[in-house]
C-alpha atoms as a PDB file:
ATOM      1  CA  MET A   1     105.809 122.374  98.380  1.00  0.00           C
ATOM      2  CA  THR A   2     105.294 118.637  98.746  1.00  0.00           C
ATOM      3  CA  ALA A   3     104.773 116.657  95.553  1.00  0.00           C
ATOM      4  CA  LYS A   4     101.369 115.098  95.171  1.00  0.00           C
ATOM      5  CA  ARG A   5     101.221 111.296  95.290  1.00  0.00           C
ATOM      6  CA  PRO A   6     101.085 109.902  91.728  1.00  0.00           C
ATOM      7  CA  SER A   7      97.716 108.486  90.741  1.00  0.00           C
ATOM      8  CA  ILE A   8      97.427 104.708  91.018  1.00  0.00           C
ATOM      9  CA  PHE A   9      94.788 103.639  88.547  1.00  0.00           C
ATOM     10  CA  TYR A  10      93.553 100.531  90.309  1.00  0.00           C
ATOM     11  CA  ILE A  11      92.927 102.663  93.404  1.00  0.00           C
ATOM     12  CA  ASP A  12      91.002 105.075  91.182  1.00  0.00           C
ATOM     13  CA  PHE A  13      88.999 102.144  89.843  1.00  0.00           C
ATOM     14  CA  LEU A  14      88.159 100.960  93.362  1.00  0.00           C
ATOM     15  CA  ARG A  15      86.908 104.448  94.254  1.00  0.00           C
ATOM     16  CA  PHE A  16      84.882 104.434  91.048  1.00  0.00           C
ATOM     17  CA  ILE A  17      83.055 101.174  91.730  1.00  0.00           C
ATOM     18  CA  ALA A  18      82.608 102.038  95.411  1.00  0.00           C
ATOM     19  CA  ALA A  19      80.995 105.381  94.520  1.00  0.00           C
ATOM     20  CA  ILE A  20      78.543 103.612  92.206  1.00  0.00           C
ATOM     21  CA  ALA A  21      77.791 100.947  94.814  1.00  0.00           C
ATOM     22  CA  VAL A  22      77.080 103.524  97.549  1.00  0.00           C
ATOM     23  CA  ILE A  23      74.652 105.400  95.318  1.00  0.00           C
ATOM     24  CA  MET A  24      72.926 102.163  94.349  1.00  0.00           C
ATOM     25  CA  ILE A  25      72.501 101.186  98.005  1.00  0.00           C
ATOM     26  CA  HIS A  26      70.785 104.517  98.693  1.00  0.00           C
ATOM     27  CA  VAL A  27      68.673 104.406  95.521  1.00  0.00           C
ATOM     28  CA  LEU A  28      67.250 100.990  96.384  1.00  0.00           C
ATOM     29  CA  GLY A  29      66.909 101.774 100.088  1.00  0.00           C
ATOM     30  CA  PRO A  30      63.105 102.214 100.288  1.00  0.00           C
ATOM     31  CA  PHE A  31      62.429  98.871  98.618  1.00  0.00           C
ATOM     32  CA  ARG A  32      64.385  96.609 100.967  1.00  0.00           C
ATOM     33  CA  TYR A  33      61.653  96.654 103.579  1.00  0.00           C
ATOM     34  CA  LEU A  34      58.728  96.164 101.189  1.00  0.00           C
ATOM     35  CA  TYR A  35      58.856  92.380 101.045  1.00  0.00           C
ATOM     36  CA  GLY A  36      55.315  91.208 100.339  1.00  0.00           C
ATOM     37  CA  ASP A  37      54.128  94.749  99.546  1.00  0.00           C
ATOM     38  CA  ILE A  38      55.564  95.007  96.041  1.00  0.00           C
ATOM     39  CA  PRO A  39      55.955  92.388  93.280  1.00  0.00           C
ATOM     40  CA  ASP A  40      58.490  89.740  94.231  1.00  0.00           C
ATOM     41  CA  ALA A  41      60.645  90.517  91.190  1.00  0.00           C
ATOM     42  CA  ASP A  42      60.946  94.186  92.192  1.00  0.00           C
ATOM     43  CA  TRP A  43      61.768  93.337  95.809  1.00  0.00           C
ATOM     44  CA  LEU A  44      64.277  90.720  94.672  1.00  0.00           C
ATOM     45  CA  ALA A  45      65.987  93.309  92.469  1.00  0.00           C
ATOM     46  CA  ALA A  46      66.352  95.718  95.398  1.00  0.00           C
ATOM     47  CA  MET A  47      67.518  93.024  97.792  1.00  0.00           C
ATOM     48  CA  GLY A  48      69.789  91.512  95.152  1.00  0.00           C
ATOM     49  CA  PHE A  49      71.576  94.744  94.274  1.00  0.00           C
ATOM     50  CA  ASN A  50      71.842  95.525  97.978  1.00  0.00           C
ATOM     51  CA  SER A  51      73.333  92.146  98.819  1.00  0.00           C
ATOM     52  CA  VAL A  52      76.121  92.457  96.244  1.00  0.00           C
ATOM     53  CA  THR A  53      77.095  96.091  96.921  1.00  0.00           C
ATOM     54  CA  ARG A  54      77.548  96.134 100.698  1.00  0.00           C
ATOM     55  CA  TRP A  55      81.321  96.222 100.248  1.00  0.00           C
ATOM     56  CA  ALA A  56      81.237  99.874  99.133  1.00  0.00           C
ATOM     57  CA  VAL A  57      82.158 101.657 102.380  1.00  0.00           C
ATOM     58  CA  PRO A  58      84.677  98.960 103.417  1.00  0.00           C
ATOM     59  CA  VAL A  59      86.444  99.396 100.064  1.00  0.00           C
ATOM     60  CA  PHE A  60      86.806 103.118 100.786  1.00  0.00           C
ATOM     61  CA  MET A  61      88.416 102.142 104.105  1.00  0.00           C
ATOM     62  CA  LEU A  62      90.748  99.662 102.410  1.00  0.00           C
ATOM     63  CA  ILE A  63      91.858 102.451 100.080  1.00  0.00           C
ATOM     64  CA  SER A  64      92.486 104.785 103.016  1.00  0.00           C
ATOM     65  CA  GLY A  65      94.607 102.165 104.744  1.00  0.00           C
ATOM     66  CA  ALA A  66      96.524 101.423 101.559  1.00  0.00           C
ATOM     67  CA  LEU A  67      97.468 105.054 100.968  1.00  0.00           C
ATOM     68  CA  LEU A  68      97.649 106.677 104.386  1.00  0.00           C
ATOM     69  CA  LEU A  69      99.534 103.853 106.099  1.00  0.00           C
ATOM     70  CA  SER A  70     102.032 103.605 103.234  1.00  0.00           C
ATOM     71  CA  THR A  71     103.271 107.179 103.449  1.00  0.00           C
ATOM     72  CA  GLU A  72     107.004 107.750 103.722  1.00  0.00           C
ATOM     73  CA  ARG A  73     106.576 111.277 105.041  1.00  0.00           C
ATOM     74  CA  THR A  74     108.017 112.036 108.469  1.00  0.00           C
ATOM     75  CA  PHE A  75     105.047 112.629 110.735  1.00  0.00           C
ATOM     76  CA  GLN A  76     104.384 116.252 111.612  1.00  0.00           C
ATOM     77  CA  CYS A  77     101.335 116.800 113.767  1.00  0.00           C
ATOM     78  CA  GLU A  78     100.489 120.272 112.460  1.00  0.00           C
ATOM     79  CA  HIS A  79     100.736 119.171 108.821  1.00  0.00           C
ATOM     80  CA  TYR A  80      98.715 116.042 109.486  1.00  0.00           C
ATOM     81  CA  LEU A  81      95.898 117.922 111.200  1.00  0.00           C
ATOM     82  CA  SER A  82      95.756 120.758 108.677  1.00  0.00           C
ATOM     83  CA  LYS A  83      96.286 118.771 105.477  1.00  0.00           C
ATOM     84  CA  ARG A  84      94.945 115.292 106.197  1.00  0.00           C
ATOM     85  CA  LEU A  85      92.350 115.463 108.955  1.00  0.00           C
ATOM     86  CA  SER A  86      90.862 118.746 107.750  1.00  0.00           C
ATOM     87  CA  LYS A  87      90.043 117.196 104.366  1.00  0.00           C
ATOM     88  CA  VAL A  88      87.396 115.045 106.007  1.00  0.00           C
ATOM     89  CA  ALA A  89      86.567 117.119 109.092  1.00  0.00           C
ATOM     90  CA  ILE A  90      85.655 120.336 107.238  1.00  0.00           C
ATOM     91  CA  PRO A  91      83.315 118.617 104.725  1.00  0.00           C
ATOM     92  CA  PHE A  92      81.724 116.669 107.582  1.00  0.00           C
ATOM     93  CA  ILE A  93      80.990 119.801 109.604  1.00  0.00           C
ATOM     94  CA  GLY A  94      79.850 121.775 106.572  1.00  0.00           C
ATOM     95  CA  TRP A  95      77.508 119.115 105.230  1.00  0.00           C
ATOM     96  CA  THR A  96      76.159 118.371 108.694  1.00  0.00           C
ATOM     97  CA  ILE A  97      74.965 121.980 108.822  1.00  0.00           C
ATOM     98  CA  ILE A  98      73.635 121.854 105.246  1.00  0.00           C
ATOM     99  CA  TYR A  99      71.699 118.628 105.753  1.00  0.00           C
ATOM    100  CA  ALA A 100      70.360 119.821 109.098  1.00  0.00           C
ATOM    101  CA  MET A 101      68.971 122.876 107.308  1.00  0.00           C
ATOM    102  CA  VAL A 102      67.463 120.617 104.632  1.00  0.00           C
ATOM    103  CA  GLY A 103      65.966 118.557 107.442  1.00  0.00           C
ATOM    104  CA  GLY A 104      63.976 121.621 108.430  1.00  0.00           C
ATOM    105  CA  PHE A 105      61.903 121.065 105.279  1.00  0.00           C
ATOM    106  CA  MET A 106      61.197 117.430 106.163  1.00  0.00           C
ATOM    107  CA  VAL A 107      58.385 115.912 108.224  1.00  0.00           C
ATOM    108  CA  ASN A 108      58.508 112.121 108.668  1.00  0.00           C
ATOM    109  CA  ASP A 109      61.046 111.977 105.822  1.00  0.00           C
ATOM    110  CA  VAL A 110      58.658 113.818 103.495  1.00  0.00           C
ATOM    111  CA  PHE A 111      59.698 117.121 101.895  1.00  0.00           C
ATOM    112  CA  THR A 112      57.073 119.742 102.809  1.00  0.00           C
ATOM    113  CA  GLY A 113      58.481 122.829 101.069  1.00  0.00           C
ATOM    114  CA  GLU A 114      58.069 124.794 104.285  1.00  0.00           C
ATOM    115  CA  TRP A 115      61.155 125.372 106.427  1.00  0.00           C
ATOM    116  CA  ILE A 116      60.723 124.961 110.175  1.00  0.00           C
ATOM    117  CA  SER A 117      63.699 126.457 111.972  1.00  0.00           C
ATOM    118  CA  SER A 118      63.034 124.617 115.237  1.00  0.00           C
ATOM    119  CA  THR A 119      63.175 121.268 113.423  1.00  0.00           C
ATOM    120  CA  ALA A 120      66.436 122.152 111.700  1.00  0.00           C
ATOM    121  CA  PHE A 121      68.130 123.316 114.888  1.00  0.00           C
ATOM    122  CA  GLU A 122      66.860 120.319 116.839  1.00  0.00           C
ATOM    123  CA  ILE A 123      68.469 118.046 114.224  1.00  0.00           C
ATOM    124  CA  LEU A 124      71.679 120.062 114.443  1.00  0.00           C
ATOM    125  CA  GLN A 125      71.638 119.892 118.231  1.00  0.00           C
ATOM    126  CA  LYS A 126      71.555 116.095 118.097  1.00  0.00           C
ATOM    127  CA  SER A 127      74.366 115.898 115.525  1.00  0.00           C
ATOM    128  CA  PRO A 128      77.202 115.275 118.042  1.00  0.00           C
ATOM    129  CA  ASN A 129      75.598 111.911 118.794  1.00  0.00           C
ATOM    130  CA  GLU A 130      73.771 110.935 115.635  1.00  0.00           C
ATOM    131  CA  PRO A 131      74.133 111.809 111.942  1.00  0.00           C
ATOM    132  CA  VAL A 132      71.741 114.404 110.542  1.00  0.00           C
ATOM    133  CA  TRP A 133      71.376 112.408 107.300  1.00  0.00           C
ATOM    134  CA  TYR A 134      71.738 108.696 106.694  1.00  0.00           C
ATOM    135  CA  HIS A 135      74.981 108.767 104.677  1.00  0.00           C
ATOM    136  CA  LEU A 136      76.885 110.942 107.153  1.00  0.00           C
ATOM    137  CA  TRP A 137      77.193 108.047 109.638  1.00  0.00           C
ATOM    138  CA  PHE A 138      80.399 107.166 107.802  1.00  0.00           C
ATOM    139  CA  PHE A 139      82.269 110.154 109.244  1.00  0.00           C
ATOM    140  CA  TYR A 140      81.421 109.228 112.833  1.00  0.00           C
ATOM    141  CA  ASP A 141      83.453 106.057 112.412  1.00  0.00           C
ATOM    142  CA  PHE A 142      85.965 107.260 109.825  1.00  0.00           C
ATOM    143  CA  ILE A 143      87.258 110.466 111.434  1.00  0.00           C
ATOM    144  CA  PRO A 144      88.395 108.677 114.635  1.00  0.00           C
ATOM    145  CA  LEU A 145      90.550 106.425 112.432  1.00  0.00           C
ATOM    146  CA  TYR A 146      92.655 109.460 111.566  1.00  0.00           C
ATOM    147  CA  PHE A 147      93.860 109.513 115.165  1.00  0.00           C
ATOM    148  CA  VAL A 148      94.856 105.842 114.921  1.00  0.00           C
ATOM    149  CA  ILE A 149      96.701 106.027 111.611  1.00  0.00           C
ATOM    150  CA  PRO A 150      99.829 107.946 112.798  1.00  0.00           C
ATOM    151  CA  PHE A 151     100.406 105.353 115.525  1.00  0.00           C
ATOM    152  CA  LEU A 152      99.852 102.428 113.168  1.00  0.00           C
ATOM    153  CA  ILE A 153     102.439 103.542 110.607  1.00  0.00           C
ATOM    154  CA  PRO A 154     105.594 102.893 112.714  1.00  0.00           C
ATOM    155  CA  VAL A 155     104.099  99.678 114.117  1.00  0.00           C
ATOM    156  CA  LEU A 156     103.467  98.255 110.651  1.00  0.00           C
ATOM    157  CA  LYS A 157     106.932  99.264 109.459  1.00  0.00           C
ATOM    158  CA  LYS A 158     108.589  97.419 112.346  1.00  0.00           C
ATOM    159  CA  ALA A 159     106.347  94.344 112.494  1.00  0.00           C
ATOM    160  CA  SER A 160     107.329  91.229 110.571  1.00  0.00           C
ATOM    161  CA  PRO A 161     104.948  89.838 107.915  1.00  0.00           C
ATOM    162  CA  GLU A 162     104.036  86.947 110.199  1.00  0.00           C
ATOM    163  CA  TYR A 163     102.851  89.290 112.937  1.00  0.00           C
ATOM    164  CA  ILE A 164     100.805  91.228 110.386  1.00  0.00           C
ATOM    165  CA  LYS A 165      99.178  87.986 109.233  1.00  0.00           C
ATOM    166  CA  LEU A 166      98.339  87.117 112.825  1.00  0.00           C
ATOM    167  CA  ALA A 167      96.778  90.537 113.389  1.00  0.00           C
ATOM    168  CA  ILE A 168      94.634  90.163 110.259  1.00  0.00           C
ATOM    169  CA  PHE A 169      93.597  86.665 111.315  1.00  0.00           C
ATOM    170  CA  ALA A 170      92.605  87.944 114.767  1.00  0.00           C
ATOM    171  CA  TRP A 171      90.603  90.712 113.119  1.00  0.00           C
ATOM    172  CA  ALA A 172      88.847  88.135 110.904  1.00  0.00           C
ATOM    173  CA  VAL A 173      87.926  86.175 114.032  1.00  0.00           C
ATOM    174  CA  LEU A 174      86.440  89.327 115.576  1.00  0.00           C
ATOM    175  CA  PHE A 175      84.464  89.955 112.396  1.00  0.00           C
ATOM    176  CA  THR A 176      83.160  86.400 112.464  1.00  0.00           C
ATOM    177  CA  MET A 177      82.135  86.788 116.104  1.00  0.00           C
ATOM    178  CA  HIS A 178      80.384  90.051 115.347  1.00  0.00           C
ATOM    179  CA  TRP A 179      78.599  88.443 112.393  1.00  0.00           C
ATOM    180  CA  LEU A 180      77.395  85.544 114.547  1.00  0.00           C
ATOM    181  CA  LYS A 181      76.423  87.864 117.441  1.00  0.00           C
ATOM    182  CA  VAL A 182      79.097  86.474 119.772  1.00  0.00           C
ATOM    183  CA  GLU A 183      79.839  89.310 122.180  1.00  0.00           C
ATOM    184  CA  SER A 184      83.319  90.552 123.070  1.00  0.00           C
ATOM    185  CA  PHE A 185      84.626  93.724 124.679  1.00  0.00           C
ATOM    186  CA  LEU A 186      86.963  94.050 121.662  1.00  0.00           C
ATOM    187  CA  GLN A 187      84.086  94.534 119.236  1.00  0.00           C
ATOM    188  CA  GLN A 188      84.342  98.305 119.155  1.00  0.00           C
ATOM    189  CA  ASN A 189      83.918 100.194 115.904  1.00  0.00           C
ATOM    190  CA  LEU A 190      87.369 101.756 116.221  1.00  0.00           C
ATOM    191  CA  ILE A 191      88.998  98.325 116.452  1.00  0.00           C
ATOM    192  CA  LEU A 192      86.891  96.657 113.779  1.00  0.00           C
ATOM    193  CA  TYR A 193      87.262  99.437 111.219  1.00  0.00           C
ATOM    194  CA  THR A 194      90.982  99.767 111.941  1.00  0.00           C
ATOM    195  CA  GLY A 195      91.244  96.217 110.625  1.00  0.00           C
ATOM    196  CA  TYR A 196      90.172  97.435 107.184  1.00  0.00           C
ATOM    197  CA  LEU A 197      93.020  99.946 107.236  1.00  0.00           C
ATOM    198  CA  VAL A 198      95.551  97.228 108.037  1.00  0.00           C
ATOM    199  CA  LEU A 199      94.150  94.859 105.417  1.00  0.00           C
ATOM    200  CA  GLY A 200      94.271  97.620 102.807  1.00  0.00           C
ATOM    201  CA  TRP A 201      97.895  98.385 103.691  1.00  0.00           C
ATOM    202  CA  TYR A 202      98.777  94.682 103.599  1.00  0.00           C
ATOM    203  CA  LEU A 203      97.223  94.061 100.168  1.00  0.00           C
ATOM    204  CA  PHE A 204      98.645  97.297  98.769  1.00  0.00           C
ATOM    205  CA  ASN A 205     102.222  96.471  99.704  1.00  0.00           C
ATOM    206  CA  ARG A 206     102.491  92.948  98.311  1.00  0.00           C
ATOM    207  CA  ASP A 207     101.992  91.009  95.109  1.00  0.00           C
ATOM    208  CA  ASN A 208      98.692  89.164  95.545  1.00  0.00           C
ATOM    209  CA  ARG A 209      98.496  87.443  92.182  1.00  0.00           C
ATOM    210  CA  SER A 210      99.380  84.047  93.590  1.00  0.00           C
ATOM    211  CA  GLN A 211      96.379  84.282  95.951  1.00  0.00           C
ATOM    212  CA  LEU A 212      94.003  85.700  93.325  1.00  0.00           C
ATOM    213  CA  LYS A 213      92.174  82.422  92.713  1.00  0.00           C
ATOM    214  CA  ALA A 214      91.591  81.899  96.441  1.00  0.00           C
ATOM    215  CA  TRP A 215      90.280  85.467  96.832  1.00  0.00           C
ATOM    216  CA  VAL A 216      87.917  85.056  93.864  1.00  0.00           C
ATOM    217  CA  ILE A 217      86.544  81.744  95.135  1.00  0.00           C
ATOM    218  CA  ALA A 218      86.072  83.057  98.680  1.00  0.00           C
ATOM    219  CA  GLY A 219      84.565  86.349  97.526  1.00  0.00           C
ATOM    220  CA  GLY A 220      82.320  84.651  94.991  1.00  0.00           C
ATOM    221  CA  VAL A 221      81.008  82.259  97.635  1.00  0.00           C
ATOM    222  CA  MET A 222      80.278  85.181  99.955  1.00  0.00           C
ATOM    223  CA  LEU A 223      78.447  87.120  97.222  1.00  0.00           C
ATOM    224  CA  CYS A 224      76.273  84.085  96.502  1.00  0.00           C
ATOM    225  CA  ALA A 225      75.666  83.601 100.217  1.00  0.00           C
ATOM    226  CA  ASN A 226      74.620  87.247 100.539  1.00  0.00           C
ATOM    227  CA  PHE A 227      72.078  86.996  97.739  1.00  0.00           C
ATOM    228  CA  LEU A 228      70.693  83.522  98.359  1.00  0.00           C
ATOM    229  CA  GLY A 229      70.902  83.775 102.150  1.00  0.00           C
ATOM    230  CA  SER A 230      69.065  87.089 102.281  1.00  0.00           C
ATOM    231  CA  TRP A 231      66.381  85.724  99.960  1.00  0.00           C
ATOM    232  CA  GLU A 232      65.953  82.594 102.087  1.00  0.00           C
ATOM    233  CA  LEU A 233      65.768  84.574 105.342  1.00  0.00           C
ATOM    234  CA  ALA A 234      63.099  86.864 103.888  1.00  0.00           C
ATOM    235  CA  VAL A 235      60.992  83.894 102.801  1.00  0.00           C
ATOM    236  CA  GLU A 236      61.470  82.242 106.188  1.00  0.00           C
ATOM    237  CA  LYS A 237      60.759  85.295 108.340  1.00  0.00           C
ATOM    238  CA  GLY A 238      58.365  87.128 106.051  1.00  0.00           C
ATOM    239  CA  SER A 239      60.446  90.307 106.000  1.00  0.00           C
ATOM    240  CA  TYR A 240      63.812  91.697 104.969  1.00  0.00           C
ATOM    241  CA  ASN A 241      66.698  90.549 107.163  1.00  0.00           C
ATOM    242  CA  SER A 242      70.067  92.343 107.346  1.00  0.00           C
ATOM    243  CA  PHE A 243      72.116  89.379 108.616  1.00  0.00           C
ATOM    244  CA  PHE A 244      74.359  89.333 105.524  1.00  0.00           C
ATOM    245  CA  MET A 245      74.534  93.100 105.091  1.00  0.00           C
ATOM    246  CA  GLY A 246      76.880  94.235 107.872  1.00  0.00           C
ATOM    247  CA  TYR A 247      80.010  96.275 107.236  1.00  0.00           C
ATOM    248  CA  LYS A 248      81.706  94.597 110.199  1.00  0.00           C
ATOM    249  CA  THR A 249      81.184  90.995 109.149  1.00  0.00           C
ATOM    250  CA  LEU A 250      83.530  88.459 107.591  1.00  0.00           C
ATOM    251  CA  ASN A 251      81.547  88.081 104.363  1.00  0.00           C
ATOM    252  CA  THR A 252      81.795  91.803 103.590  1.00  0.00           C
ATOM    253  CA  ALA A 253      85.513  91.926 104.440  1.00  0.00           C
ATOM    254  CA  VAL A 254      86.256  88.963 102.157  1.00  0.00           C
ATOM    255  CA  ILE A 255      84.327  90.509  99.258  1.00  0.00           C
ATOM    256  CA  GLY A 256      86.142  93.813  99.764  1.00  0.00           C
ATOM    257  CA  GLY A 257      89.497  92.039  99.777  1.00  0.00           C
ATOM    258  CA  MET A 258      88.587  90.129  96.628  1.00  0.00           C
ATOM    259  CA  LEU A 259      87.684  93.328  94.766  1.00  0.00           C
ATOM    260  CA  PHE A 260      90.910  94.990  95.902  1.00  0.00           C
ATOM    261  CA  VAL A 261      93.019  92.117  94.550  1.00  0.00           C
ATOM    262  CA  LEU A 262      91.018  91.875  91.316  1.00  0.00           C
ATOM    263  CA  ALA A 263      91.433  95.609  90.683  1.00  0.00           C
ATOM    264  CA  GLN A 264      95.121  95.395  91.554  1.00  0.00           C
ATOM    265  CA  THR A 265      95.554  92.625  88.980  1.00  0.00           C
ATOM    266  CA  TYR A 266      93.349  93.700  86.096  1.00  0.00           C
ATOM    267  CA  ALA A 267      92.375  97.385  86.335  1.00  0.00           C
ATOM    268  CA  ASP A 268      95.322  98.578  84.267  1.00  0.00           C
ATOM    269  CA  LYS A 269      93.909  96.714  81.286  1.00  0.00           C
ATOM    270  CA  ILE A 270      91.229  99.428  81.067  1.00  0.00           C
ATOM    271  CA  THR A 271      92.062 102.003  78.404  1.00  0.00           C
ATOM    272  CA  GLY A 272      90.560 104.848  76.424  1.00  0.00           C
ATOM    273  CA  HIS A 273      87.676 107.111  77.382  1.00  0.00           C
ATOM    274  CA  PHE A 274      86.382 104.763  80.038  1.00  0.00           C
ATOM    275  CA  ARG A 275      89.716 104.940  81.854  1.00  0.00           C
ATOM    276  CA  SER A 276      89.484 108.744  81.824  1.00  0.00           C
ATOM    277  CA  PHE A 277      85.898 108.574  83.117  1.00  0.00           C
ATOM    278  CA  VAL A 278      86.978 106.287  85.953  1.00  0.00           C
ATOM    279  CA  THR A 279      89.715 108.743  86.933  1.00  0.00           C
ATOM    280  CA  VAL A 280      87.288 111.686  86.938  1.00  0.00           C
ATOM    281  CA  ILE A 281      84.785 109.867  89.161  1.00  0.00           C
ATOM    282  CA  SER A 282      87.601 108.858  91.506  1.00  0.00           C
ATOM    283  CA  THR A 283      88.851 112.439  91.747  1.00  0.00           C
ATOM    284  CA  TYR A 284      85.448 113.749  92.807  1.00  0.00           C
ATOM    285  CA  SER A 285      84.248 110.664  94.710  1.00  0.00           C
ATOM    286  CA  LEU A 286      84.006 112.361  98.118  1.00  0.00           C
ATOM    287  CA  GLY A 287      81.924 115.197  96.703  1.00  0.00           C
ATOM    288  CA  ILE A 288      79.694 112.691  94.918  1.00  0.00           C
ATOM    289  CA  TYR A 289      79.236 110.795  98.177  1.00  0.00           C
ATOM    290  CA  LEU A 290      78.261 113.964 100.032  1.00  0.00           C
ATOM    291  CA  ILE A 291      75.922 115.448  97.432  1.00  0.00           C
ATOM    292  CA  HIS A 292      73.986 112.540  95.958  1.00  0.00           C
ATOM    293  CA  PRO A 293      71.392 112.094  98.774  1.00  0.00           C
ATOM    294  CA  LEU A 294      70.043 115.580  97.949  1.00  0.00           C
ATOM    295  CA  LEU A 295      69.210 114.344  94.452  1.00  0.00           C
ATOM    296  CA  LEU A 296      67.361 111.337  95.836  1.00  0.00           C
ATOM    297  CA  ILE A 297      64.884 113.464  97.818  1.00  0.00           C
ATOM    298  CA  PRO A 298      62.680 114.303  94.797  1.00  0.00           C
ATOM    299  CA  VAL A 299      62.994 110.746  93.489  1.00  0.00           C
ATOM    300  CA  ARG A 300      61.613 109.354  96.737  1.00  0.00           C
ATOM    301  CA  GLU A 301      58.945 112.089  96.889  1.00  0.00           C
ATOM    302  CA  LEU A 302      57.326 110.572  93.816  1.00  0.00           C
ATOM    303  CA  ASN A 303      56.135 107.695  96.002  1.00  0.00           C
ATOM    304  CA  ASN A 304      58.235 105.282  93.985  1.00  0.00           C
ATOM    305  CA  GLY A 305      56.301 106.192  90.835  1.00  0.00           C
ATOM    306  CA  PHE A 306      59.555 107.191  89.180  1.00  0.00           C
ATOM    307  CA  TYR A 307      60.761 103.607  89.420  1.00  0.00           C
ATOM    308  CA  ALA A 308      57.573 102.347  87.825  1.00  0.00           C
ATOM    309  CA  TRP A 309      58.367 104.248  84.618  1.00  0.00           C
ATOM    310  CA  PHE A 310      61.037 101.644  83.885  1.00  0.00           C
ATOM    311  CA  GLY A 311      58.714  98.688  84.322  1.00  0.00           C
ATOM    312  CA  SER A 312      61.082  96.820  86.623  1.00  0.00           C
ATOM    313  CA  ASN A 313      63.455  97.578  89.478  1.00  0.00           C
ATOM    314  CA  TRP A 314      66.052  95.471  87.690  1.00  0.00           C
ATOM    315  CA  ILE A 315      66.239  98.335  85.191  1.00  0.00           C
ATOM    316  CA  ALA A 316      65.170 101.275  87.359  1.00  0.00           C
ATOM    317  CA  ILE A 317      67.783 100.908  90.103  1.00  0.00           C
ATOM    318  CA  PRO A 318      70.868 100.838  87.812  1.00  0.00           C
ATOM    319  CA  VAL A 319      69.529 103.635  85.567  1.00  0.00           C
ATOM    320  CA  ILE A 320      68.599 105.940  88.453  1.00  0.00           C
ATOM    321  CA  SER A 321      71.946 105.180  90.105  1.00  0.00           C
ATOM    322  CA  LEU A 322      73.851 106.087  86.929  1.00  0.00           C
ATOM    323  CA  CYS A 323      71.865 109.310  86.447  1.00  0.00           C
ATOM    324  CA  THR A 324      72.438 110.254  90.092  1.00  0.00           C
ATOM    325  CA  LEU A 325      76.151 109.570  89.688  1.00  0.00           C
ATOM    326  CA  VAL A 326      76.459 111.804  86.629  1.00  0.00           C
ATOM    327  CA  VAL A 327      74.449 114.713  88.074  1.00  0.00           C
ATOM    328  CA  SER A 328      76.336 114.474  91.380  1.00  0.00           C
ATOM    329  CA  LEU A 329      79.604 114.561  89.441  1.00  0.00           C
ATOM    330  CA  LEU A 330      78.567 117.663  87.502  1.00  0.00           C
ATOM    331  CA  LEU A 331      77.454 119.445  90.680  1.00  0.00           C
ATOM    332  CA  THR A 332      80.719 118.560  92.413  1.00  0.00           C
ATOM    333  CA  MET A 333      82.775 119.778  89.466  1.00  0.00           C
ATOM    334  CA  LEU A 334      80.820 123.037  89.599  1.00  0.00           C
ATOM    335  CA  LEU A 335      81.212 123.508  93.355  1.00  0.00           C
ATOM    336  CA  VAL A 336      84.976 122.984  93.321  1.00  0.00           C
ATOM    337  CA  LYS A 337      85.251 126.120  91.200  1.00  0.00           C
ATOM    338  CA  VAL A 338      83.777 128.248  94.015  1.00  0.00           C
ATOM    339  CA  PRO A 339      86.664 129.376  96.287  1.00  0.00           C
ATOM    340  CA  VAL A 340      85.063 128.856  99.710  1.00  0.00           C
ATOM    341  CA  ILE A 341      82.634 126.059  98.923  1.00  0.00           C
ATOM    342  CA  ARG A 342      85.361 123.933  97.332  1.00  0.00           C
ATOM    343  CA  ARG A 343      86.552 123.018 100.850  1.00  0.00           C
ATOM    344  CA  LEU A 344      83.290 121.089 101.234  1.00  0.00           C
ATOM    345  CA  VAL A 345      83.932 118.866  98.200  1.00  0.00           C
ATOM    346  CA  PRO A 346      87.707 118.213  98.238  1.00  0.00           C
END
């Protein structure tokens, strides 16, 4: 039996903050497009939290690159498919079916309480080409990376550091082009997201403390640009604009890299009960990611009245996000105790 990889706390911490950020993005989702329709302070809260959490999914990809590309195991196809790929493929298939069935209760994104089988099966029929629920898009881009990873491992082991730097620089150029809408045949999701894997591996396997200040300055500038730029574009155009919100743009990559290096440098200073809580959230982060949109259905069904109880979105969004995180965690911890269902929340 192969020994399990020892836990690396700063990786756990990155999963922890990424899980919170993903939930927050989905909690605030309905408000992004209500510029001019709700009080400016409430819209600014939604846009503001959104603009500073867009690194969530890229951080998950950085973690995957850091761990999967750093393995010393001799590659065995059967083991890789059954132990690695299946851990994401089985939950994806299972939750696609579950959310398609839930979709049978929905009409124009409103829960009706009446299940329409034809609606559910129509959603399921379209699932090979489009996700059945908004958060499942991640798997359509992430699962293909598992077929790239085994080929990347020997390349990265053989390549000199200078070649790796050049590859990362080329990837940054592609991200900049994508951000600025400069077209290129290389701007395919598989290529762009593979760059996150390589960057994660690169940061994981070196001491980045000497570059920490540069990462913090660059990431801080990008966070400010996200917030202020998105605000300015909304004022200018009269509606929400997603220019700064892309996962395949340089600003998001820089922020993700900054958080990785900050966690690598300082996360181990966390102690006590909070450290244990971080580790628990990290352990169940995939289950939390998969389950939490179910909890947001009734919240959104209240026509945003639930948010109004808090008086301000600056309070409502973090509180609802935290509550959703905790309930999702408890549900995941419960499901992993059920022999068959536990494969859906590994």
